[in-house]
C-alpha atoms as a PDB file:
ATOM      1  CA  UNK A   1      28.743  12.149  22.284  1.00  0.00           C
ATOM      2  CA  UNK A   2      25.388  11.053  23.734  1.00  0.00           C
ATOM      3  CA  UNK A   3      23.585  12.658  20.784  1.00  0.00           C
ATOM      4  CA  UNK A   4      25.981  11.082  18.324  1.00  0.00           C
ATOM      5  CA  UNK A   5      25.381   7.582  19.824  1.00  0.00           C
ATOM      6  CA  UNK A   6      21.702   8.093  19.795  1.00  0.00           C
ATOM      7  CA  UNK A   7      21.785   9.133  16.082  1.00  0.00           C
ATOM      8  CA  UNK A   8      24.019   6.103  15.274  1.00  0.00           C
ATOM      9  CA  UNK A   9      21.638   3.678  16.984  1.00  0.00           C
ATOM     10  CA  UNK A  10      18.631   5.196  15.210  1.00  0.00           C
ATOM     11  CA  UNK A  11      20.427   5.105  11.861  1.00  0.00           C
ATOM     12  CA  UNK A  12      21.561   1.548  12.298  1.00  0.00           C
ATOM     13  CA  UNK A  13      18.142   0.380  13.301  1.00  0.00           C
ATOM     14  CA  UNK A  14      16.537   2.246  10.431  1.00  0.00           C
ATOM     15  CA  UNK A  15      19.009   0.900   7.817  1.00  0.00           C
ATOM     16  CA  UNK A  16      18.711  -2.546   9.121  1.00  0.00           C
ATOM     17  CA  UNK A  17      14.976  -2.233   8.498  1.00  0.00           C
ATOM     18  CA  UNK A  18      15.620  -0.725   5.139  1.00  0.00           C
ATOM     19  CA  UNK A  19      17.558  -3.908   4.325  1.00  0.00           C
ATOM     20  CA  UNK A  20      14.597  -5.987   5.328  1.00  0.00           C
ATOM     21  CA  UNK A  21      14.819  -9.347   3.891  1.00  0.00           C
ATOM     22  CA  UNK A  22      11.920 -11.774   4.253  1.00  0.00           C
ATOM     23  CA  UNK A  23      12.346 -15.477   4.612  1.00  0.00           C
ATOM     24  CA  UNK A  24      13.111 -16.213   1.061  1.00  0.00           C
ATOM     25  CA  UNK A  25      15.750 -17.505  -1.292  1.00  0.00           C
ATOM     26  CA  UNK A  26      18.756 -15.293  -1.696  1.00  0.00           C
ATOM     27  CA  UNK A  27      18.097 -12.673  -4.403  1.00  0.00           C
ATOM     28  CA  UNK A  28      20.507 -12.307  -7.272  1.00  0.00           C
ATOM     29  CA  UNK A  29      22.533  -9.360  -8.544  1.00  0.00           C
ATOM     30  CA  UNK A  30      20.662  -9.476 -11.832  1.00  0.00           C
ATOM     31  CA  UNK A  31      17.373  -9.085  -9.973  1.00  0.00           C
ATOM     32  CA  UNK A  32      18.732  -5.962  -8.093  1.00  0.00           C
ATOM     33  CA  UNK A  33      19.981  -4.530 -11.351  1.00  0.00           C
ATOM     34  CA  UNK A  34      16.698  -5.220 -13.072  1.00  0.00           C
ATOM     35  CA  UNK A  35      14.786  -3.543 -10.162  1.00  0.00           C
ATOM     36  CA  UNK A  36      16.975  -0.402 -10.524  1.00  0.00           C
ATOM     37  CA  UNK A  37      16.564  -0.323 -14.363  1.00  0.00           C
ATOM     38  CA  UNK A  38      12.839  -0.647 -13.907  1.00  0.00           C
ATOM     39  CA  UNK A  39      12.939   2.301 -11.479  1.00  0.00           C
ATOM     40  CA  UNK A  40      15.000   4.414 -13.881  1.00  0.00           C
ATOM     41  CA  UNK A  41      12.488   3.728 -16.595  1.00  0.00           C
ATOM     42  CA  UNK A  42       9.704   4.575 -14.280  1.00  0.00           C
ATOM     43  CA  UNK A  43      11.278   7.939 -13.396  1.00  0.00           C
ATOM     44  CA  UNK A  44      11.565   8.755 -17.119  1.00  0.00           C
ATOM     45  CA  UNK A  45       7.954   7.724 -17.599  1.00  0.00           C
ATOM     46  CA  UNK A  46       6.140   9.534 -14.756  1.00  0.00           C
ATOM     47  CA  UNK A  47       8.800  12.029 -13.447  1.00  0.00           C
ATOM     48  CA  UNK A  48      10.752  12.168 -10.258  1.00  0.00           C
ATOM     49  CA  UNK A  49       7.986  13.147  -7.755  1.00  0.00           C
ATOM     50  CA  UNK A  50       5.518  10.437  -8.778  1.00  0.00           C
ATOM     51  CA  UNK A  51       8.308   7.861  -9.022  1.00  0.00           C
ATOM     52  CA  UNK A  52       9.602   8.586  -5.537  1.00  0.00           C
ATOM     53  CA  UNK A  53       6.051   8.382  -4.173  1.00  0.00           C
ATOM     54  CA  UNK A  54       5.742   4.899  -5.683  1.00  0.00           C
ATOM     55  CA  UNK A  55       9.269   3.874  -4.494  1.00  0.00           C
ATOM     56  CA  UNK A  56       8.035   4.864  -0.966  1.00  0.00           C
ATOM     57  CA  UNK A  57       4.915   2.766  -1.264  1.00  0.00           C
ATOM     58  CA  UNK A  58       5.552  -0.213   1.019  1.00  0.00           C
ATOM     59  CA  UNK A  59       3.133  -2.300  -1.007  1.00  0.00           C
ATOM     60  CA  UNK A  60       3.954  -0.845  -4.391  1.00  0.00           C
ATOM     61  CA  UNK A  61       5.464  -2.228  -7.518  1.00  0.00           C
ATOM     62  CA  UNK A  62       8.980  -1.540  -6.454  1.00  0.00           C
ATOM     63  CA  UNK A  63       8.965  -3.710  -3.413  1.00  0.00           C
ATOM     64  CA  UNK A  64       9.424  -7.530  -3.988  1.00  0.00           C
ATOM     65  CA  UNK A  65      10.345  -9.262  -0.769  1.00  0.00           C
ATOM     66  CA  UNK A  66      13.860  -8.225   0.125  1.00  0.00           C
ATOM     67  CA  UNK A  67      14.268  -6.371  -3.160  1.00  0.00           C
ATOM     68  CA  UNK A  68      13.136  -2.675  -3.078  1.00  0.00           C
ATOM     69  CA  UNK A  69      14.248   0.623  -4.456  1.00  0.00           C
ATOM     70  CA  UNK A  70      15.787   3.189  -2.172  1.00  0.00           C
ATOM     71  CA  UNK A  71      17.039   6.659  -3.150  1.00  0.00           C
ATOM     72  CA  UNK A  72      19.298   9.495  -1.906  1.00  0.00           C
ATOM     73  CA  UNK A  73      20.271  12.867  -3.073  1.00  0.00           C
ATOM     74  CA  UNK A  74      23.887  13.692  -3.585  1.00  0.00           C
ATOM     75  CA  UNK A  75      24.211  15.190  -0.057  1.00  0.00           C
ATOM     76  CA  UNK A  76      23.051  11.896   1.589  1.00  0.00           C
ATOM     77  CA  UNK A  77      19.380  12.674   2.319  1.00  0.00           C
ATOM     78  CA  UNK A  78      17.091   9.721   1.864  1.00  0.00           C
ATOM     79  CA  UNK A  79      14.435  10.277  -0.693  1.00  0.00           C
ATOM     80  CA  UNK A  80      12.844   6.825  -0.814  1.00  0.00           C
ATOM     81  CA  UNK A  81      12.788   3.848   1.518  1.00  0.00           C
ATOM     82  CA  UNK A  82      10.365   1.144   2.640  1.00  0.00           C
ATOM     83  CA  UNK A  83      10.981   2.644   6.086  1.00  0.00           C
ATOM     84  CA  UNK A  84       9.146   6.004   6.283  1.00  0.00           C
ATOM     85  CA  UNK A  85      11.107   7.026   9.377  1.00  0.00           C
ATOM     86  CA  UNK A  86      14.321   7.734   7.369  1.00  0.00           C
ATOM     87  CA  UNK A  87      12.786   9.512   4.399  1.00  0.00           C
ATOM     88  CA  UNK A  88      14.042  13.118   4.536  1.00  0.00           C
ATOM     89  CA  UNK A  89      16.892  12.328   6.921  1.00  0.00           C
ATOM     90  CA  UNK A  90      20.551  12.817   6.068  1.00  0.00           C
ATOM     91  CA  UNK A  91      22.416   9.558   6.512  1.00  0.00           C
ATOM     92  CA  UNK A  92      25.631  10.534   4.760  1.00  0.00           C
ATOM     93  CA  UNK A  93      27.812   9.623   7.777  1.00  0.00           C
ATOM     94  CA  UNK A  94      26.191   6.163   8.507  1.00  0.00           C
ATOM     95  CA  UNK A  95      28.758   3.301   8.604  1.00  0.00           C
ATOM     96  CA  UNK A  96      28.504  -0.440   8.576  1.00  0.00           C
ATOM     97  CA  UNK A  97      29.734  -2.516  11.589  1.00  0.00           C
ATOM     98  CA  UNK A  98      33.201  -2.475  10.054  1.00  0.00           C
ATOM     99  CA  UNK A  99      33.287   1.274   9.789  1.00  0.00           C
ATOM    100  CA  UNK A 100      32.736   1.465   6.002  1.00  0.00           C
ATOM    101  CA  UNK A 101      30.551   4.459   5.082  1.00  0.00           C
ATOM    102  CA  UNK A 102      27.542   3.094   3.211  1.00  0.00           C
ATOM    103  CA  UNK A 103      25.591   6.144   1.973  1.00  0.00           C
ATOM    104  CA  UNK A 104      28.822   8.121   1.260  1.00  0.00           C
ATOM    105  CA  UNK A 105      30.000   5.120  -0.825  1.00  0.00           C
ATOM    106  CA  UNK A 106      26.724   5.093  -2.744  1.00  0.00           C
ATOM    107  CA  UNK A 107      27.233   8.791  -3.591  1.00  0.00           C
ATOM    108  CA  UNK A 108      30.812   8.235  -4.614  1.00  0.00           C
ATOM    109  CA  UNK A 109      29.843   5.515  -7.090  1.00  0.00           C
ATOM    110  CA  UNK A 110      27.087   7.627  -8.535  1.00  0.00           C
ATOM    111  CA  UNK A 111      29.265  10.672  -8.905  1.00  0.00           C
ATOM    112  CA  UNK A 112      32.359   8.921 -10.276  1.00  0.00           C
ATOM    113  CA  UNK A 113      30.994   6.040 -12.297  1.00  0.00           C
ATOM    114  CA  UNK A 114      27.308   6.770 -12.775  1.00  0.00           C
ATOM    115  CA  UNK A 115      26.459   3.210 -11.614  1.00  0.00           C
ATOM    116  CA  UNK A 116      27.973   0.255  -9.860  1.00  0.00           C
ATOM    117  CA  UNK A 117      28.026  -1.834  -6.710  1.00  0.00           C
ATOM    118  CA  UNK A 118      28.760  -1.046  -3.102  1.00  0.00           C
ATOM    119  CA  UNK A 119      29.654  -3.935  -0.747  1.00  0.00           C
ATOM    120  CA  UNK A 120      29.176  -3.647   2.963  1.00  0.00           C
ATOM    121  CA  UNK A 121      28.342  -5.655   6.066  1.00  0.00           C
ATOM    122  CA  UNK A 122      24.924  -5.295   7.525  1.00  0.00           C
ATOM    123  CA  UNK A 123      22.893  -7.099  10.195  1.00  0.00           C
ATOM    124  CA  UNK A 124      20.211  -9.277   8.647  1.00  0.00           C
ATOM    125  CA  UNK A 125      16.871  -7.851   9.916  1.00  0.00           C
ATOM    126  CA  UNK A 126      15.460 -11.235  10.796  1.00  0.00           C
ATOM    127  CA  UNK A 127      18.420 -12.960  12.384  1.00  0.00           C
ATOM    128  CA  UNK A 128      20.525  -9.970  13.479  1.00  0.00           C
ATOM    129  CA  UNK A 129      23.561 -11.792  12.117  1.00  0.00           C
ATOM    130  CA  UNK A 130      26.139  -9.665  10.267  1.00  0.00           C
ATOM    131  CA  UNK A 131      26.017 -10.575   6.602  1.00  0.00           C
ATOM    132  CA  UNK A 132      27.663  -9.300   3.389  1.00  0.00           C
ATOM    133  CA  UNK A 133      25.339  -7.044   1.411  1.00  0.00           C
ATOM    134  CA  UNK A 134      25.680  -5.379  -1.904  1.00  0.00           C
ATOM    135  CA  UNK A 135      23.685  -2.447  -3.323  1.00  0.00           C
ATOM    136  CA  UNK A 136      23.509  -1.619  -7.009  1.00  0.00           C
ATOM    137  CA  UNK A 137      23.532   2.117  -7.528  1.00  0.00           C
ATOM    138  CA  UNK A 138      22.507   4.200 -10.512  1.00  0.00           C
ATOM    139  CA  UNK A 139      22.681   8.027 -10.757  1.00  0.00           C
ATOM    140  CA  UNK A 140      19.612   9.777 -12.142  1.00  0.00           C
ATOM    141  CA  UNK A 141      19.927  13.495 -12.537  1.00  0.00           C
ATOM    142  CA  UNK A 142      20.990  14.858  -9.153  1.00  0.00           C
ATOM    143  CA  UNK A 143      20.069  11.775  -7.100  1.00  0.00           C
ATOM    144  CA  UNK A 144      20.683   8.006  -6.989  1.00  0.00           C
ATOM    145  CA  UNK A 145      18.446   5.019  -6.860  1.00  0.00           C
ATOM    146  CA  UNK A 146      19.574   1.574  -5.652  1.00  0.00           C
ATOM    147  CA  UNK A 147      18.516  -1.862  -4.723  1.00  0.00           C
ATOM    148  CA  UNK A 148      20.486  -4.232  -2.465  1.00  0.00           C
ATOM    149  CA  UNK A 149      20.923  -7.926  -1.954  1.00  0.00           C
ATOM    150  CA  UNK A 150      22.355 -10.126   0.832  1.00  0.00           C
ATOM    151  CA  UNK A 151      25.176 -12.363  -0.378  1.00  0.00           C
END
């Protein structure tokens, strides 16, 4: 139980950072979709490995304030994040404050629809306040890429 709690605290902290929104206007669903579409095009242009390296670049072309690409394989292992501490970690079981599985939901959308939105509640990294957040997911080969916005 102690190990489980420690893992949950680390995962929640990490995902809160991953959701990092700067002091800026709320971003739009269209902006999140456009970021994912740019990411998909980039994967097709340079290949998965180079694209993931760029997605993981905290100052790269796929980070724009609170908008950024993140990626998971279909087993829940993080492949790309602005937080290097979670890259390579399996977060399949992570849940929001209401108990909704987030990464599992991303994978379900990718596998069943190919693309779509996942809504969840997440603490805003600056205020700590619980806020509605949505992530747009798109499946690419055997993994997914996504971009989220606070509502």
